[in-house]
PDB file of N, CA and C in Angstrom:
ATOM      1  N   MET A   1     -11.133   0.247 -20.549  1.00  0.00           N
ATOM      2  CA  MET A   1     -10.075   0.457 -19.590  1.00  0.00           C
ATOM      3  C   MET A   1     -10.344  -0.352 -18.326  1.00  0.00           C
ATOM      4  N   ARG A   2      -9.274  -0.696 -17.657  1.00  0.00           N
ATOM      5  CA  ARG A   2      -9.380  -1.438 -16.398  1.00  0.00           C
ATOM      6  C   ARG A   2      -9.253  -0.454 -15.236  1.00  0.00           C
ATOM      7  N   TYR A   3     -10.134  -0.582 -14.265  1.00  0.00           N
ATOM      8  CA  TYR A   3     -10.152   0.293 -13.093  1.00  0.00           C
ATOM      9  C   TYR A   3     -10.108  -0.545 -11.816  1.00  0.00           C
ATOM     10  N   GLU A   4      -9.277  -0.116 -10.883  1.00  0.00           N
ATOM     11  CA  GLU A   4      -9.351  -0.638  -9.525  1.00  0.00           C
ATOM     12  C   GLU A   4     -10.423   0.186  -8.817  1.00  0.00           C
ATOM     13  N   VAL A   5     -11.248  -0.466  -8.032  1.00  0.00           N
ATOM     14  CA  VAL A   5     -12.296   0.222  -7.287  1.00  0.00           C
ATOM     15  C   VAL A   5     -11.965   0.133  -5.797  1.00  0.00           C
ATOM     16  N   TRP A   6     -11.815   1.295  -5.169  1.00  0.00           N
ATOM     17  CA  TRP A   6     -11.468   1.397  -3.754  1.00  0.00           C
ATOM     18  C   TRP A   6     -12.625   2.060  -3.015  1.00  0.00           C
ATOM     19  N   TYR A   7     -13.124   1.370  -1.992  1.00  0.00           N
ATOM     20  CA  TYR A   7     -14.209   1.909  -1.169  1.00  0.00           C
ATOM     21  C   TYR A   7     -13.641   2.417   0.159  1.00  0.00           C
ATOM     22  N   MET A   8     -14.282   3.434   0.693  1.00  0.00           N
ATOM     23  CA  MET A   8     -13.849   4.030   1.946  1.00  0.00           C
ATOM     24  C   MET A   8     -13.968   3.056   3.108  1.00  0.00           C
ATOM     25  N   ARG A   9     -12.976   3.073   3.960  1.00  0.00           N
ATOM     26  CA  ARG A   9     -13.060   2.346   5.228  1.00  0.00           C
ATOM     27  C   ARG A   9     -14.140   3.015   6.080  1.00  0.00           C
ATOM     28  N   PRO A  10     -14.834   2.266   6.920  1.00  0.00           N
ATOM     29  CA  PRO A  10     -15.896   2.867   7.744  1.00  0.00           C
ATOM     30  C   PRO A  10     -15.429   4.063   8.576  1.00  0.00           C
ATOM     31  N   GLU A  11     -14.205   4.025   9.075  1.00  0.00           N
ATOM     32  CA  GLU A  11     -13.718   5.131   9.896  1.00  0.00           C
ATOM     33  C   GLU A  11     -13.430   6.401   9.088  1.00  0.00           C
ATOM     34  N   PHE A  12     -13.336   6.292   7.767  1.00  0.00           N
ATOM     35  CA  PHE A  12     -13.132   7.457   6.901  1.00  0.00           C
ATOM     36  C   PHE A  12     -14.448   7.924   6.265  1.00  0.00           C
ATOM     37  N   PHE A  13     -15.450   7.080   6.287  1.00  0.00           N
ATOM     38  CA  PHE A  13     -16.693   7.326   5.557  1.00  0.00           C
ATOM     39  C   PHE A  13     -17.344   8.660   5.926  1.00  0.00           C
ATOM     40  N   ARG A  14     -17.447   8.966   7.211  1.00  0.00           N
ATOM     41  CA  ARG A  14     -18.123  10.199   7.654  1.00  0.00           C
ATOM     42  C   ARG A  14     -17.484  11.443   7.037  1.00  0.00           C
ATOM     43  N   ASP A  15     -16.153  11.446   6.924  1.00  0.00           N
ATOM     44  CA  ASP A  15     -15.460  12.570   6.305  1.00  0.00           C
ATOM     45  C   ASP A  15     -15.503  12.461   4.776  1.00  0.00           C
ATOM     46  N   GLY A  16     -15.203  11.274   4.256  1.00  0.00           N
ATOM     47  CA  GLY A  16     -15.112  11.079   2.809  1.00  0.00           C
ATOM     48  C   GLY A  16     -16.386  11.416   2.059  1.00  0.00           C
ATOM     49  N   ILE A  17     -17.525  11.118   2.647  1.00  0.00           N
ATOM     50  CA  ILE A  17     -18.813  11.357   1.993  1.00  0.00           C
ATOM     51  C   ILE A  17     -19.078  12.851   1.796  1.00  0.00           C
ATOM     52  N   MET A  18     -18.316  13.705   2.481  1.00  0.00           N
ATOM     53  CA  MET A  18     -18.506  15.152   2.395  1.00  0.00           C
ATOM     54  C   MET A  18     -17.941  15.748   1.105  1.00  0.00           C
ATOM     55  N   GLY A  19     -17.060  15.029   0.417  1.00  0.00           N
ATOM     56  CA  GLY A  19     -16.565  15.475  -0.869  1.00  0.00           C
ATOM     57  C   GLY A  19     -15.196  16.126  -0.848  1.00  0.00           C
ATOM     58  N   HIS A  20     -14.685  16.325  -2.059  1.00  0.00           N
ATOM     59  CA  HIS A  20     -13.328  16.804  -2.304  1.00  0.00           C
ATOM     60  C   HIS A  20     -13.031  18.129  -1.607  1.00  0.00           C
ATOM     61  N   GLU A  21     -13.853  19.109  -1.822  1.00  0.00           N
ATOM     62  CA  GLU A  21     -13.595  20.449  -1.271  1.00  0.00           C
ATOM     63  C   GLU A  21     -13.560  20.413   0.261  1.00  0.00           C
ATOM     64  N   TRP A  22     -14.514  19.750   0.866  1.00  0.00           N
ATOM     65  CA  TRP A  22     -14.582  19.641   2.325  1.00  0.00           C
ATOM     66  C   TRP A  22     -13.327  18.966   2.868  1.00  0.00           C
ATOM     67  N   LEU A  23     -12.907  17.856   2.227  1.00  0.00           N
ATOM     68  CA  LEU A  23     -11.707  17.146   2.650  1.00  0.00           C
ATOM     69  C   LEU A  23     -10.462  18.016   2.481  1.00  0.00           C
ATOM     70  N   ARG A  24     -10.369  18.706   1.348  1.00  0.00           N
ATOM     71  CA  ARG A  24      -9.207  19.557   1.082  1.00  0.00           C
ATOM     72  C   ARG A  24      -9.096  20.670   2.119  1.00  0.00           C
ATOM     73  N   GLU A  25     -10.207  21.323   2.426  1.00  0.00           N
ATOM     74  CA  GLU A  25     -10.204  22.427   3.392  1.00  0.00           C
ATOM     75  C   GLU A  25      -9.752  21.972   4.772  1.00  0.00           C
ATOM     76  N   ARG A  26      -9.941  20.702   5.101  1.00  0.00           N
ATOM     77  CA  ARG A  26      -9.603  20.181   6.425  1.00  0.00           C
ATOM     78  C   ARG A  26      -8.330  19.337   6.414  1.00  0.00           C
ATOM     79  N   ASN A  27      -7.624  19.360   5.275  1.00  0.00           N
ATOM     80  CA  ASN A  27      -6.379  18.608   5.121  1.00  0.00           C
ATOM     81  C   ASN A  27      -6.584  17.112   5.403  1.00  0.00           C
ATOM     82  N   LEU A  28      -7.675  16.573   4.872  1.00  0.00           N
ATOM     83  CA  LEU A  28      -8.019  15.170   5.083  1.00  0.00           C
ATOM     84  C   LEU A  28      -8.036  14.343   3.792  1.00  0.00           C
ATOM     85  N   MET A  29      -7.482  14.889   2.716  1.00  0.00           N
ATOM     86  CA  MET A  29      -7.516  14.181   1.439  1.00  0.00           C
ATOM     87  C   MET A  29      -6.789  12.842   1.519  1.00  0.00           C
ATOM     88  N   PRO A  30      -7.368  11.815   0.905  1.00  0.00           N
ATOM     89  CA  PRO A  30      -6.674  10.521   0.848  1.00  0.00           C
ATOM     90  C   PRO A  30      -5.360  10.657   0.078  1.00  0.00           C
ATOM     91  N   ASP A  31      -4.388   9.863   0.465  1.00  0.00           N
ATOM     92  CA  ASP A  31      -3.075   9.846  -0.185  1.00  0.00           C
ATOM     93  C   ASP A  31      -3.122   8.861  -1.353  1.00  0.00           C
ATOM     94  N   PRO A  32      -2.976   9.329  -2.603  1.00  0.00           N
ATOM     95  CA  PRO A  32      -3.068   8.412  -3.747  1.00  0.00           C
ATOM     96  C   PRO A  32      -1.950   7.369  -3.777  1.00  0.00           C
ATOM     97  N   THR A  33      -0.871   7.580  -3.020  1.00  0.00           N
ATOM     98  CA  THR A  33       0.213   6.596  -2.964  1.00  0.00           C
ATOM     99  C   THR A  33       0.044   5.623  -1.805  1.00  0.00           C
ATOM    100  N   ASN A  34      -0.977   5.832  -0.963  1.00  0.00           N
ATOM    101  CA  ASN A  34      -1.235   4.963   0.183  1.00  0.00           C
ATOM    102  C   ASN A  34      -2.744   4.890   0.439  1.00  0.00           C
ATOM    103  N   LEU A  35      -3.484   4.462  -0.578  1.00  0.00           N
ATOM    104  CA  LEU A  35      -4.941   4.420  -0.461  1.00  0.00           C
ATOM    105  C   LEU A  35      -5.419   3.481   0.637  1.00  0.00           C
ATOM    106  N   SER A  36      -4.647   2.460   0.949  1.00  0.00           N
ATOM    107  CA  SER A  36      -5.105   1.487   1.948  1.00  0.00           C
ATOM    108  C   SER A  36      -5.228   2.099   3.347  1.00  0.00           C
ATOM    109  N   LYS A  37      -4.698   3.282   3.548  1.00  0.00           N
ATOM    110  CA  LYS A  37      -4.857   3.961   4.837  1.00  0.00           C
ATOM    111  C   LYS A  37      -6.319   4.365   5.065  1.00  0.00           C
ATOM    112  N   THR A  38      -7.006   4.787   4.019  1.00  0.00           N
ATOM    113  CA  THR A  38      -8.379   5.286   4.131  1.00  0.00           C
ATOM    114  C   THR A  38      -9.396   4.458   3.355  1.00  0.00           C
ATOM    115  N   HIS A  39      -8.920   3.578   2.472  1.00  0.00           N
ATOM    116  CA  HIS A  39      -9.794   2.831   1.573  1.00  0.00           C
ATOM    117  C   HIS A  39      -9.387   1.356   1.523  1.00  0.00           C
ATOM    118  N   VAL A  40     -10.282   0.536   0.999  1.00  0.00           N
ATOM    119  CA  VAL A  40     -10.035  -0.887   0.785  1.00  0.00           C
ATOM    120  C   VAL A  40     -10.283  -1.174  -0.691  1.00  0.00           C
ATOM    121  N   LYS A  41      -9.347  -1.893  -1.317  1.00  0.00           N
ATOM    122  CA  LYS A  41      -9.560  -2.276  -2.714  1.00  0.00           C
ATOM    123  C   LYS A  41     -10.652  -3.339  -2.755  1.00  0.00           C
ATOM    124  N   LEU A  42     -11.738  -3.000  -3.419  1.00  0.00           N
ATOM    125  CA  LEU A  42     -12.896  -3.881  -3.495  1.00  0.00           C
ATOM    126  C   LEU A  42     -12.810  -4.838  -4.672  1.00  0.00           C
ATOM    127  N   THR A  43     -12.486  -4.295  -5.861  1.00  0.00           N
ATOM    128  CA  THR A  43     -12.513  -5.119  -7.062  1.00  0.00           C
ATOM    129  C   THR A  43     -11.808  -4.387  -8.202  1.00  0.00           C
ATOM    130  N   GLU A  44     -11.760  -5.015  -9.349  1.00  0.00           N
ATOM    131  CA  GLU A  44     -11.331  -4.384 -10.594  1.00  0.00           C
ATOM    132  C   GLU A  44     -12.427  -4.600 -11.613  1.00  0.00           C
ATOM    133  N   VAL A  45     -12.667  -3.582 -12.432  1.00  0.00           N
ATOM    134  CA  VAL A  45     -13.708  -3.679 -13.454  1.00  0.00           C
ATOM    135  C   VAL A  45     -13.189  -3.152 -14.784  1.00  0.00           C
ATOM    136  N   GLU A  46     -13.782  -3.619 -15.853  1.00  0.00           N
ATOM    137  CA  GLU A  46     -13.545  -3.088 -17.199  1.00  0.00           C
ATOM    138  C   GLU A  46     -14.688  -2.129 -17.493  1.00  0.00           C
ATOM    139  N   ALA A  47     -14.344  -0.901 -17.899  1.00  0.00           N
ATOM    140  CA  ALA A  47     -15.389   0.089 -18.179  1.00  0.00           C
ATOM    141  C   ALA A  47     -14.892   1.083 -19.217  1.00  0.00           C
ATOM    142  N   ASP A  48     -15.846   1.762 -19.862  1.00  0.00           N
ATOM    143  CA  ASP A  48     -15.532   2.760 -20.887  1.00  0.00           C
ATOM    144  C   ASP A  48     -15.101   4.094 -20.294  1.00  0.00           C
ATOM    145  N   GLY A  49     -15.346   4.307 -19.019  1.00  0.00           N
ATOM    146  CA  GLY A  49     -14.987   5.567 -18.382  1.00  0.00           C
ATOM    147  C   GLY A  49     -15.480   5.590 -16.953  1.00  0.00           C
ATOM    148  N   LEU A  50     -15.190   6.687 -16.272  1.00  0.00           N
ATOM    149  CA  LEU A  50     -15.542   6.805 -14.861  1.00  0.00           C
ATOM    150  C   LEU A  50     -17.047   6.751 -14.611  1.00  0.00           C
ATOM    151  N   GLY A  51     -17.821   7.351 -15.496  1.00  0.00           N
ATOM    152  CA  GLY A  51     -19.272   7.298 -15.351  1.00  0.00           C
ATOM    153  C   GLY A  51     -19.781   5.862 -15.386  1.00  0.00           C
ATOM    154  N   SER A  52     -19.180   5.062 -16.247  1.00  0.00           N
ATOM    155  CA  SER A  52     -19.556   3.654 -16.336  1.00  0.00           C
ATOM    156  C   SER A  52     -19.153   2.889 -15.079  1.00  0.00           C
ATOM    157  N   VAL A  53     -17.980   3.218 -14.535  1.00  0.00           N
ATOM    158  CA  VAL A  53     -17.550   2.572 -13.285  1.00  0.00           C
ATOM    159  C   VAL A  53     -18.566   2.876 -12.192  1.00  0.00           C
ATOM    160  N   TYR A  54     -18.924   4.150 -12.065  1.00  0.00           N
ATOM    161  CA  TYR A  54     -19.880   4.554 -11.042  1.00  0.00           C
ATOM    162  C   TYR A  54     -21.204   3.799 -11.209  1.00  0.00           C
ATOM    163  N   TRP A  55     -21.723   3.750 -12.425  1.00  0.00           N
ATOM    164  CA  TRP A  55     -22.984   3.066 -12.690  1.00  0.00           C
ATOM    165  C   TRP A  55     -22.874   1.578 -12.360  1.00  0.00           C
ATOM    166  N   MET A  56     -21.783   0.943 -12.803  1.00  0.00           N
ATOM    167  CA  MET A  56     -21.592  -0.490 -12.568  1.00  0.00           C
ATOM    168  C   MET A  56     -21.538  -0.813 -11.078  1.00  0.00           C
ATOM    169  N   MET A  57     -20.992   0.106 -10.280  1.00  0.00           N
ATOM    170  CA  MET A  57     -20.775  -0.160  -8.860  1.00  0.00           C
ATOM    171  C   MET A  57     -21.931   0.282  -7.972  1.00  0.00           C
ATOM    172  N   GLN A  58     -23.066   0.569  -8.558  1.00  0.00           N
ATOM    173  CA  GLN A  58     -24.262   0.807  -7.748  1.00  0.00           C
ATOM    174  C   GLN A  58     -24.837  -0.548  -7.351  1.00  0.00           C
ATOM    175  N   GLY A  59     -25.229  -0.675  -6.109  1.00  0.00           N
ATOM    176  CA  GLY A  59     -25.691  -1.949  -5.574  1.00  0.00           C
ATOM    177  C   GLY A  59     -26.754  -2.625  -6.414  1.00  0.00           C
ATOM    178  N   GLU A  60     -27.684  -1.834  -6.945  1.00  0.00           N
ATOM    179  CA  GLU A  60     -28.760  -2.445  -7.733  1.00  0.00           C
ATOM    180  C   GLU A  60     -28.251  -3.057  -9.036  1.00  0.00           C
ATOM    181  N   ASN A  61     -27.031  -2.691  -9.452  1.00  0.00           N
ATOM    182  CA  ASN A  61     -26.449  -3.244 -10.683  1.00  0.00           C
ATOM    183  C   ASN A  61     -25.532  -4.433 -10.417  1.00  0.00           C
ATOM    184  N   TRP A  62     -24.673  -4.342  -9.407  1.00  0.00           N
ATOM    185  CA  TRP A  62     -23.709  -5.428  -9.199  1.00  0.00           C
ATOM    186  C   TRP A  62     -24.084  -6.370  -8.062  1.00  0.00           C
ATOM    187  N   SER A  63     -25.105  -6.027  -7.313  1.00  0.00           N
ATOM    188  CA  SER A  63     -25.553  -6.889  -6.216  1.00  0.00           C
ATOM    189  C   SER A  63     -27.058  -6.745  -6.014  1.00  0.00           C
ATOM    190  N   PRO A  64     -27.850  -6.966  -7.063  1.00  0.00           N
ATOM    191  CA  PRO A  64     -29.283  -6.702  -6.961  1.00  0.00           C
ATOM    192  C   PRO A  64     -30.028  -7.562  -5.931  1.00  0.00           C
ATOM    193  N   ARG A  65     -29.485  -8.724  -5.612  1.00  0.00           N
ATOM    194  CA  ARG A  65     -30.137  -9.596  -4.629  1.00  0.00           C
ATOM    195  C   ARG A  65     -29.244  -9.810  -3.406  1.00  0.00           C
ATOM    196  N   GLY A  66     -28.346  -8.845  -3.161  1.00  0.00           N
ATOM    197  CA  GLY A  66     -27.474  -8.935  -1.991  1.00  0.00           C
ATOM    198  C   GLY A  66     -26.286  -9.866  -2.152  1.00  0.00           C
ATOM    199  N   GLU A  67     -25.931 -10.191  -3.395  1.00  0.00           N
ATOM    200  CA  GLU A  67     -24.823 -11.120  -3.651  1.00  0.00           C
ATOM    201  C   GLU A  67     -23.507 -10.633  -3.046  1.00  0.00           C
ATOM    202  N   ALA A  68     -23.329  -9.322  -2.931  1.00  0.00           N
ATOM    203  CA  ALA A  68     -22.060  -8.764  -2.455  1.00  0.00           C
ATOM    204  C   ALA A  68     -21.984  -8.633  -0.940  1.00  0.00           C
ATOM    205  N   LYS A  69     -23.050  -8.943  -0.250  1.00  0.00           N
ATOM    206  CA  LYS A  69     -23.096  -8.746   1.204  1.00  0.00           C
ATOM    207  C   LYS A  69     -21.918  -9.404   1.925  1.00  0.00           C
ATOM    208  N   LYS A  70     -21.634 -10.638   1.633  1.00  0.00           N
ATOM    209  CA  LYS A  70     -20.553 -11.361   2.298  1.00  0.00           C
ATOM    210  C   LYS A  70     -19.191 -10.747   1.960  1.00  0.00           C
ATOM    211  N   LEU A  71     -18.979 -10.402   0.696  1.00  0.00           N
ATOM    212  CA  LEU A  71     -17.724  -9.766   0.279  1.00  0.00           C
ATOM    213  C   LEU A  71     -17.519  -8.448   1.023  1.00  0.00           C
ATOM    214  N   ILE A  72     -18.545  -7.630   1.065  1.00  0.00           N
ATOM    215  CA  ILE A  72     -18.478  -6.338   1.757  1.00  0.00           C
ATOM    216  C   ILE A  72     -18.131  -6.559   3.228  1.00  0.00           C
ATOM    217  N   GLU A  73     -18.805  -7.480   3.880  1.00  0.00           N
ATOM    218  CA  GLU A  73     -18.542  -7.777   5.296  1.00  0.00           C
ATOM    219  C   GLU A  73     -17.122  -8.290   5.504  1.00  0.00           C
ATOM    220  N   ASN A  74     -16.678  -9.211   4.639  1.00  0.00           N
ATOM    221  CA  ASN A  74     -15.344  -9.799   4.775  1.00  0.00           C
ATOM    222  C   ASN A  74     -14.232  -8.766   4.615  1.00  0.00           C
ATOM    223  N   LEU A  75     -14.481  -7.718   3.846  1.00  0.00           N
ATOM    224  CA  LEU A  75     -13.488  -6.655   3.650  1.00  0.00           C
ATOM    225  C   LEU A  75     -13.591  -5.568   4.716  1.00  0.00           C
ATOM    226  N   GLY A  76     -14.551  -5.710   5.619  1.00  0.00           N
ATOM    227  CA  GLY A  76     -14.715  -4.727   6.682  1.00  0.00           C
ATOM    228  C   GLY A  76     -15.385  -3.450   6.222  1.00  0.00           C
ATOM    229  N   LEU A  77     -16.080  -3.525   5.090  1.00  0.00           N
ATOM    230  CA  LEU A  77     -16.767  -2.358   4.539  1.00  0.00           C
ATOM    231  C   LEU A  77     -18.220  -2.340   4.996  1.00  0.00           C
ATOM    232  N   LYS A  78     -18.868  -1.179   4.814  1.00  0.00           N
ATOM    233  CA  LYS A  78     -20.254  -1.034   5.261  1.00  0.00           C
ATOM    234  C   LYS A  78     -21.215  -0.618   4.145  1.00  0.00           C
ATOM    235  N   HIS A  79     -20.680  -0.253   2.963  1.00  0.00           N
ATOM    236  CA  HIS A  79     -21.576   0.207   1.898  1.00  0.00           C
ATOM    237  C   HIS A  79     -21.353  -0.588   0.619  1.00  0.00           C
ATOM    238  N   THR A  80     -22.436  -0.803  -0.107  1.00  0.00           N
ATOM    239  CA  THR A  80     -22.394  -1.590  -1.339  1.00  0.00           C
ATOM    240  C   THR A  80     -22.282  -0.701  -2.570  1.00  0.00           C
ATOM    241  N   SER A  81     -23.004   0.400  -2.606  1.00  0.00           N
ATOM    242  CA  SER A  81     -22.987   1.292  -3.771  1.00  0.00           C
ATOM    243  C   SER A  81     -21.840   2.280  -3.692  1.00  0.00           C
ATOM    244  N   MET A  82     -21.165   2.491  -4.828  1.00  0.00           N
ATOM    245  CA  MET A  82     -20.096   3.483  -4.896  1.00  0.00           C
ATOM    246  C   MET A  82     -20.683   4.840  -4.527  1.00  0.00           C
ATOM    247  N   ALA A  83     -19.936   5.578  -3.693  1.00  0.00           N
ATOM    248  CA  ALA A  83     -20.440   6.840  -3.151  1.00  0.00           C
ATOM    249  C   ALA A  83     -19.362   7.915  -3.188  1.00  0.00           C
ATOM    250  N   CYS A  84     -19.770   9.136  -2.940  1.00  0.00           N
ATOM    251  CA  CYS A  84     -18.854  10.262  -2.815  1.00  0.00           C
ATOM    252  C   CYS A  84     -17.768   9.872  -1.811  1.00  0.00           C
ATOM    253  N   GLY A  85     -16.500   9.989  -2.227  1.00  0.00           N
ATOM    254  CA  GLY A  85     -15.370   9.621  -1.390  1.00  0.00           C
ATOM    255  C   GLY A  85     -14.710   8.318  -1.792  1.00  0.00           C
ATOM    256  N   ASP A  86     -15.411   7.472  -2.559  1.00  0.00           N
ATOM    257  CA  ASP A  86     -14.807   6.244  -3.070  1.00  0.00           C
ATOM    258  C   ASP A  86     -13.903   6.604  -4.250  1.00  0.00           C
ATOM    259  N   ILE A  87     -13.028   5.680  -4.639  1.00  0.00           N
ATOM    260  CA  ILE A  87     -11.980   5.994  -5.615  1.00  0.00           C
ATOM    261  C   ILE A  87     -11.896   4.936  -6.706  1.00  0.00           C
ATOM    262  N   ALA A  88     -11.654   5.397  -7.935  1.00  0.00           N
ATOM    263  CA  ALA A  88     -11.344   4.527  -9.063  1.00  0.00           C
ATOM    264  C   ALA A  88      -9.925   4.876  -9.528  1.00  0.00           C
ATOM    265  N   VAL A  89      -9.094   3.847  -9.752  1.00  0.00           N
ATOM    266  CA  VAL A  89      -7.713   4.054 -10.170  1.00  0.00           C
ATOM    267  C   VAL A  89      -7.493   3.387 -11.514  1.00  0.00           C
ATOM    268  N   SER A  90      -6.920   4.148 -12.444  1.00  0.00           N
ATOM    269  CA  SER A  90      -6.577   3.609 -13.752  1.00  0.00           C
ATOM    270  C   SER A  90      -5.457   4.446 -14.354  1.00  0.00           C
ATOM    271  N   GLY A  91      -4.519   3.779 -15.002  1.00  0.00           N
ATOM    272  CA  GLY A  91      -3.443   4.503 -15.661  1.00  0.00           C
ATOM    273  C   GLY A  91      -2.625   5.380 -14.720  1.00  0.00           C
ATOM    274  N   GLY A  92      -2.497   4.960 -13.484  1.00  0.00           N
ATOM    275  CA  GLY A  92      -1.716   5.722 -12.521  1.00  0.00           C
ATOM    276  C   GLY A  92      -2.428   6.922 -11.923  1.00  0.00           C
ATOM    277  N   LYS A  93      -3.692   7.123 -12.283  1.00  0.00           N
ATOM    278  CA  LYS A  93      -4.471   8.235 -11.734  1.00  0.00           C
ATOM    279  C   LYS A  93      -5.525   7.719 -10.776  1.00  0.00           C
ATOM    280  N   ALA A  94      -5.601   8.358  -9.618  1.00  0.00           N
ATOM    281  CA  ALA A  94      -6.631   8.035  -8.633  1.00  0.00           C
ATOM    282  C   ALA A  94      -7.701   9.112  -8.712  1.00  0.00           C
ATOM    283  N   MET A  95      -8.912   8.709  -9.028  1.00  0.00           N
ATOM    284  CA  MET A  95     -10.023   9.630  -9.206  1.00  0.00           C
ATOM    285  C   MET A  95     -11.071   9.354  -8.136  1.00  0.00           C
ATOM    286  N   MET A  96     -11.367  10.386  -7.330  1.00  0.00           N
ATOM    287  CA  MET A  96     -12.327  10.240  -6.237  1.00  0.00           C
ATOM    288  C   MET A  96     -13.707  10.707  -6.676  1.00  0.00           C
ATOM    289  N   VAL A  97     -14.723   9.927  -6.341  1.00  0.00           N
ATOM    290  CA  VAL A  97     -16.093  10.347  -6.587  1.00  0.00           C
ATOM    291  C   VAL A  97     -16.333  11.607  -5.760  1.00  0.00           C
ATOM    292  N   ASP A  98     -16.832  12.648  -6.408  1.00  0.00           N
ATOM    293  CA  ASP A  98     -17.148  13.888  -5.711  1.00  0.00           C
ATOM    294  C   ASP A  98     -18.655  14.074  -5.718  1.00  0.00           C
ATOM    295  N   ARG A  99     -19.092  15.172  -5.175  1.00  0.00           N
ATOM    296  CA  ARG A  99     -20.534  15.433  -5.124  1.00  0.00           C
ATOM    297  C   ARG A  99     -21.132  15.449  -6.524  1.00  0.00           C
ATOM    298  N   ILE A 100     -20.382  15.945  -7.487  1.00  0.00           N
ATOM    299  CA  ILE A 100     -20.757  15.866  -8.905  1.00  0.00           C
ATOM    300  C   ILE A 100     -19.517  15.427  -9.665  1.00  0.00           C
ATOM    301  N   GLY A 101     -19.563  14.266 -10.269  1.00  0.00           N
ATOM    302  CA  GLY A 101     -18.433  13.770 -11.046  1.00  0.00           C
ATOM    303  C   GLY A 101     -17.298  13.221 -10.198  1.00  0.00           C
ATOM    304  N   PHE A 102     -16.102  13.285 -10.758  1.00  0.00           N
ATOM    305  CA  PHE A 102     -14.897  12.775 -10.117  1.00  0.00           C
ATOM    306  C   PHE A 102     -13.847  13.878 -10.060  1.00  0.00           C
ATOM    307  N   LYS A 103     -12.954  13.801  -9.072  1.00  0.00           N
ATOM    308  CA  LYS A 103     -11.824  14.725  -8.949  1.00  0.00           C
ATOM    309  C   LYS A 103     -10.566  13.884  -8.802  1.00  0.00           C
ATOM    310  N   GLU A 104      -9.518  14.284  -9.509  1.00  0.00           N
ATOM    311  CA  GLU A 104      -8.249  13.570  -9.395  1.00  0.00           C
ATOM    312  C   GLU A 104      -7.581  13.903  -8.060  1.00  0.00           C
ATOM    313  N   LEU A 105      -7.056  12.871  -7.407  1.00  0.00           N
ATOM    314  CA  LEU A 105      -6.307  13.084  -6.178  1.00  0.00           C
ATOM    315  C   LEU A 105      -4.889  13.478  -6.548  1.00  0.00           C
ATOM    316  N   SER A 106      -4.351  14.444  -5.842  1.00  0.00           N
ATOM    317  CA  SER A 106      -2.960  14.817  -6.087  1.00  0.00           C
ATOM    318  C   SER A 106      -2.201  14.822  -4.773  1.00  0.00           C
ATOM    319  N   LEU A 107      -0.916  14.540  -4.861  1.00  0.00           N
ATOM    320  CA  LEU A 107      -0.076  14.498  -3.663  1.00  0.00           C
ATOM    321  C   LEU A 107      -0.071  15.826  -2.919  1.00  0.00           C
ATOM    322  N   LYS A 108      -0.097  16.927  -3.659  1.00  0.00           N
ATOM    323  CA  LYS A 108       0.000  18.233  -2.996  1.00  0.00           C
ATOM    324  C   LYS A 108      -1.222  18.545  -2.126  1.00  0.00           C
ATOM    325  N   GLU A 109      -2.324  17.820  -2.308  1.00  0.00           N
ATOM    326  CA  GLU A 109      -3.536  18.059  -1.513  1.00  0.00           C
ATOM    327  C   GLU A 109      -3.650  17.140  -0.296  1.00  0.00           C
ATOM    328  N   THR A 110      -2.773  16.160  -0.208  1.00  0.00           N
ATOM    329  CA  THR A 110      -2.886  15.210   0.895  1.00  0.00           C
ATOM    330  C   THR A 110      -2.218  15.761   2.156  1.00  0.00           C
ATOM    331  N   ALA A 111      -2.566  15.175   3.262  1.00  0.00           N
ATOM    332  CA  ALA A 111      -1.966  15.569   4.532  1.00  0.00           C
ATOM    333  C   ALA A 111      -0.465  15.293   4.532  1.00  0.00           C
ATOM    334  N   ASN A 112      -0.035  14.317   3.712  1.00  0.00           N
ATOM    335  CA  ASN A 112       1.378  13.946   3.662  1.00  0.00           C
ATOM    336  C   ASN A 112       2.115  14.581   2.494  1.00  0.00           C
ATOM    337  N   GLY A 113       1.371  15.266   1.602  1.00  0.00           N
ATOM    338  CA  GLY A 113       1.980  15.771   0.367  1.00  0.00           C
ATOM    339  C   GLY A 113       2.589  17.125   0.498  1.00  0.00           C
TER     340      GLY A 113
END
C-alpha cells in the first residue's frame, strides 16, 4: 500500500507528542481534511502496513548518516524519526501514531468537526 507521511509542525509538536487521548480531551485533534494546519507532508512510502511505515520512518532506517537533515530543515520540521502525533494517510484514512499503535482521526474529534 502507498502511504503519505505527515510530520507534525514544530508549533504542534509539544501537544501532538502527548497522544490521541490527551489531544481529544483538550479539543486539539488534527483535522484529517486539513492536515497542513498542524502537519507537513514529508514523503510517500510503499509499505505492508502501518507498523512497517513506522519502522521505515525511524531516522536510523531512512537517514542513518543524516541524509534527511536538509529535507527536514527545508520543510521547516525539527524531527527525523516518526513519533507520536505524526500521521500516515492511505485509502482516505488518516492514522495518527499514538503512544501504542495508531488511532484513526475522525472529523467528530477535531476542533472543527
